[in-house]
Amino acid sequence: MLIREVMKPNPVTIDPETKLCDAYRILQEKGIRHLPVLEEGKLVGLVTDRDLRLATSKLAKQPFEPNAEIKDVMSSPVETTHPAEPIEIATLRMREFKIGCLPVLDNFSLVGIVTVADLLDAMLLLTGVHTPSGRLDVRLSDRRGELSRLTKLLADRKVNIHSILSYPEKEDIIRVVLRVSTMEIRTLAAAICGANFEVVWPVHIACAE
């Protein structure tokens, strides 16, 4: 899944001379939390609702007046992403920099914005959790053909796979999480155990050694 598939296009923007009070009003009226700052069509900064609250708080060392300008409190330079970037790369960048959004630039022009909520929605979509389905959690030996053997078993039982996620759990072991087109998940898990796979979920399935 790519950023262009999950971003919000044509985000609301402000300019560096916008007053803090006006920026906060825009955030409230539009029900958003992030405002890219453009100057002559170019992205020069970003401000969030949290930035504005902190800047004007009486607890701040030097609180700003509501009529101060955005350029005095905005974050700059800004981390960005591209419409063709995979969502996992953007997610990693947001996690590393501990930020809540990424403006989306194409040929240096702002074309969208992607937030943590957008990426969480995308991850949920990738898991297939919104589709009526059963869940299987299986440990596989990290060797050629094991995943193919598992999916063939499901195909032979006429079970469709809605999604597959996997990650290395430890050395030589891969954890695979599947969403499948049956709610008879314990019966299916027992069959998987019978084929010498280790089922982690559902629990209490006695797999053969």
Protein backbone atom coordinates (compact mmCIF):
# COMPACT_ATOMS: atom_id res chain seq x y z
CA MET A 1 0.00 0.00 0.00
CA LEU A 2 1.33 3.42 -0.96
CA ILE A 3 0.94 6.85 0.60
CA ARG A 4 -1.23 8.09 -2.27
CA GLU A 5 -3.84 5.49 -1.28
CA VAL A 6 -4.20 6.68 2.31
CA MET A 7 -3.28 10.39 2.33
CA LYS A 8 -5.79 13.21 2.60
CA PRO A 9 -5.43 15.27 -0.59
CA ASN A 10 -5.46 19.06 -0.77
CA PRO A 11 -4.91 19.74 2.95
CA VAL A 12 -5.89 23.02 4.57
CA THR A 13 -2.87 25.32 4.72
CA ILE A 14 -1.88 28.67 6.22
CA ASP A 15 0.91 31.18 5.60
CA PRO A 16 3.70 32.22 7.98
CA GLU A 17 1.95 35.50 8.85
CA THR A 18 -1.25 33.82 10.05
CA LYS A 19 -2.06 34.74 13.66
CA LEU A 20 -1.95 31.97 16.25
CA CYS A 21 -5.56 32.62 17.21
CA ASP A 22 -6.65 32.35 13.55
CA ALA A 23 -4.73 29.11 13.06
CA TYR A 24 -6.34 27.61 16.16
CA ARG A 25 -9.79 28.68 14.95
CA ILE A 26 -9.14 26.95 11.60
CA LEU A 27 -8.11 23.75 13.36
CA GLN A 28 -11.29 23.80 15.44
CA GLU A 29 -13.60 24.62 12.53
CA LYS A 30 -12.10 21.98 10.22
CA GLY A 31 -11.73 19.32 12.92
CA ILE A 32 -8.06 18.76 12.11
CA ARG A 33 -4.83 18.76 14.12
CA HIS A 34 -2.13 19.73 11.62
CA LEU A 35 -1.61 22.77 9.38
CA PRO A 36 1.14 22.87 6.74
CA VAL A 37 2.57 26.37 6.30
CA LEU A 38 3.08 27.55 2.71
CA GLU A 39 4.97 30.57 1.47
CA GLU A 40 4.66 31.35 -2.24
CA GLY A 41 3.39 27.81 -2.78
CA LYS A 42 6.33 26.12 -1.04
CA LEU A 43 6.17 24.19 2.22
CA VAL A 44 8.14 26.13 4.83
CA GLY A 45 6.75 24.76 8.08
CA LEU A 46 4.12 22.86 10.01
CA VAL A 47 2.08 23.69 13.09
CA THR A 48 -0.12 21.44 15.22
CA ASP A 49 -2.83 22.07 17.77
CA ARG A 50 -0.35 20.98 20.44
CA ASP A 51 2.19 23.55 19.20
CA LEU A 52 -0.39 26.29 19.57
CA ARG A 53 -1.49 25.22 23.04
CA LEU A 54 2.08 25.02 24.29
CA ALA A 55 3.08 28.33 22.69
CA THR A 56 0.27 30.23 24.38
CA SER A 57 0.25 28.37 27.69
CA LYS A 58 0.92 30.38 30.83
CA LEU A 59 3.23 27.55 31.86
CA ALA A 60 5.57 28.27 28.93
CA LYS A 61 8.82 30.09 29.76
CA GLN A 62 7.97 32.79 27.23
CA PRO A 63 4.32 32.42 26.21
CA PHE A 64 3.26 33.95 22.91
CA GLU A 65 0.29 36.26 22.55
CA PRO A 66 -2.64 34.98 20.45
CA ASN A 67 -1.83 37.65 17.85
CA ALA A 68 1.72 36.37 17.35
CA GLU A 69 2.48 34.92 13.91
CA ILE A 70 2.77 31.26 12.99
CA LYS A 71 6.34 31.69 11.74
CA ASP A 72 7.38 32.24 15.36
CA VAL A 73 6.16 28.83 16.55
CA MET A 74 6.02 26.55 13.49
CA SER A 75 8.29 23.54 13.05
CA SER A 76 10.82 23.98 10.24
CA PRO A 77 12.23 22.24 8.27
CA VAL A 78 9.53 19.59 7.94
CA GLU A 79 9.82 15.85 7.45
CA THR A 80 7.83 14.86 4.35
CA THR A 81 6.86 11.86 2.27
CA HIS A 82 6.01 11.18 -1.40
CA PRO A 83 2.80 9.77 -2.90
CA ALA A 84 4.66 6.68 -4.15
CA GLU A 85 6.35 5.87 -0.85
CA PRO A 86 5.25 2.62 0.86
CA ILE A 87 3.28 3.24 4.03
CA GLU A 88 5.65 1.18 6.18
CA ILE A 89 8.56 3.50 5.32
CA ALA A 90 6.49 6.56 6.24
CA THR A 91 5.38 4.84 9.45
CA LEU A 92 8.99 4.10 10.37
CA ARG A 93 9.98 7.73 9.80
CA MET A 94 7.11 9.02 11.92
CA ARG A 95 8.06 6.60 14.70
CA GLU A 96 11.74 7.56 14.56
CA PHE A 97 11.06 11.29 14.66
CA LYS A 98 8.08 10.95 17.05
CA ILE A 99 5.82 13.05 14.83
CA GLY A 100 2.11 12.82 14.14
CA CYS A 101 1.94 13.57 10.43
CA LEU A 102 3.88 13.89 7.18
CA PRO A 103 3.04 16.42 4.46
CA VAL A 104 3.07 14.73 1.06
CA LEU A 105 5.15 16.43 -1.63
CA ASP A 106 5.23 15.68 -5.35
CA ASN A 107 7.76 17.69 -7.35
CA PHE A 108 8.10 20.01 -4.32
CA SER A 109 4.36 20.77 -4.38
CA LEU A 110 2.11 19.91 -1.44
CA VAL A 111 -0.47 17.38 -2.62
CA GLY A 112 -1.63 15.81 0.64
CA ILE A 113 -1.01 14.97 4.25
CA VAL A 114 -0.86 11.63 6.07
CA THR A 115 -1.36 11.25 9.81
CA VAL A 116 -0.86 8.53 12.40
CA ALA A 117 -4.60 7.81 12.25
CA ASP A 118 -4.42 7.33 8.47
CA LEU A 119 -1.57 4.85 8.83
CA LEU A 120 -3.34 2.95 11.62
CA ASP A 121 -6.41 2.65 9.39
CA ALA A 122 -4.19 1.36 6.59
CA MET A 123 -2.56 -1.21 8.86
CA LEU A 124 -5.97 -2.41 10.00
CA LEU A 125 -7.02 -2.76 6.37
CA LEU A 126 -3.90 -4.82 5.65
CA THR A 127 -4.78 -7.22 8.47
CA GLY A 128 -8.22 -7.88 6.99
CA VAL A 129 -9.81 -7.31 10.39
CA HIS A 130 -12.80 -5.47 8.88
CA THR A 131 -13.77 -8.52 6.81
CA PRO A 132 -15.78 -11.31 8.50
CA SER A 133 -13.05 -13.88 9.00
CA GLY A 134 -11.19 -16.18 11.34
CA ARG A 135 -7.67 -15.62 12.62
CA LEU A 136 -4.78 -18.07 12.64
CA ASP A 137 -1.37 -17.51 14.21
CA VAL A 138 1.21 -20.09 13.09
CA ARG A 139 4.95 -20.57 13.65
CA LEU A 140 6.90 -21.74 10.62
CA SER A 141 10.47 -22.90 10.23
CA ASP A 142 12.35 -20.29 8.22
CA ARG A 143 13.07 -22.51 5.26
CA ARG A 144 11.99 -22.61 1.66
CA GLY A 145 8.53 -23.97 0.95
CA GLU A 146 7.01 -23.83 4.45
CA LEU A 147 4.64 -20.95 3.71
CA SER A 148 3.69 -22.59 0.42
CA ARG A 149 2.92 -25.81 2.26
CA LEU A 150 0.69 -23.96 4.71
CA THR A 151 -1.25 -22.05 2.04
CA LYS A 152 -1.69 -25.25 -0.01
CA LEU A 153 -3.23 -26.94 3.00
CA LEU A 154 -5.73 -24.08 3.29
CA ALA A 155 -6.46 -24.14 -0.45
CA ASP A 156 -7.03 -27.90 -0.35
CA ARG A 157 -9.64 -27.29 2.35
CA LYS A 158 -11.23 -24.59 0.16
CA VAL A 159 -10.33 -21.84 2.64
CA ASN A 160 -9.65 -18.42 1.14
CA ILE A 161 -6.92 -16.23 2.65
CA HIS A 162 -7.91 -12.59 3.16
CA SER A 163 -4.55 -11.41 4.47
CA ILE A 164 -1.10 -12.67 5.49
CA LEU A 165 1.29 -10.86 7.78
CA SER A 166 4.61 -12.30 8.89
CA TYR A 167 7.66 -11.37 10.90
CA PRO A 168 10.81 -13.09 12.18
CA GLU A 169 10.01 -14.16 15.74
CA LYS A 170 13.45 -15.56 16.52
CA GLU A 171 16.31 -17.24 14.72
CA ASP A 172 15.01 -19.69 12.11
CA ILE A 173 11.37 -19.11 13.12
CA ILE A 174 8.77 -17.03 11.24
CA ARG A 175 5.47 -16.02 12.81
CA VAL A 176 2.60 -15.89 10.31
CA VAL A 177 -0.77 -14.28 11.04
CA LEU A 178 -3.59 -15.10 8.63
CA ARG A 179 -7.16 -13.92 8.20
CA VAL A 180 -9.16 -16.67 6.52
CA SER A 181 -12.66 -17.11 5.13
CA THR A 182 -14.04 -19.41 7.81
CA MET A 183 -15.19 -19.08 11.38
CA GLU A 184 -14.60 -22.80 12.00
CA ILE A 185 -11.16 -21.84 13.12
CA ARG A 186 -10.50 -24.55 15.71
CA THR A 187 -11.25 -27.33 13.26
CA LEU A 188 -8.93 -25.71 10.76
CA ALA A 189 -6.24 -25.20 13.40
CA ALA A 190 -6.40 -28.87 14.33
CA ALA A 191 -5.84 -29.80 10.69
CA ILE A 192 -2.86 -27.47 10.54
CA CYS A 193 -1.42 -29.07 13.66
CA GLY A 194 -1.92 -32.45 12.01
CA ALA A 195 0.37 -31.28 9.21
CA ASN A 196 3.15 -30.63 11.76
CA PHE A 197 2.77 -26.87 12.03
CA GLU A 198 2.75 -25.09 15.39
CA VAL A 199 -0.45 -23.12 15.96
CA VAL A 200 -0.14 -20.21 18.40
CA TRP A 201 -3.72 -18.97 17.97
CA PRO A 202 -6.31 -20.18 18.70
CA VAL A 203 -4.84 -21.34 21.97
CA HIS A 204 -5.24 -24.80 23.52
CA ILE A 205 -4.74 -26.60 20.21
CA ALA A 206 -2.59 -29.68 20.88
CA CYS A 207 -0.16 -29.89 17.97
CA ALA A 208 1.84 -32.96 17.21
CA GLU A 209 5.55 -32.79 18.00
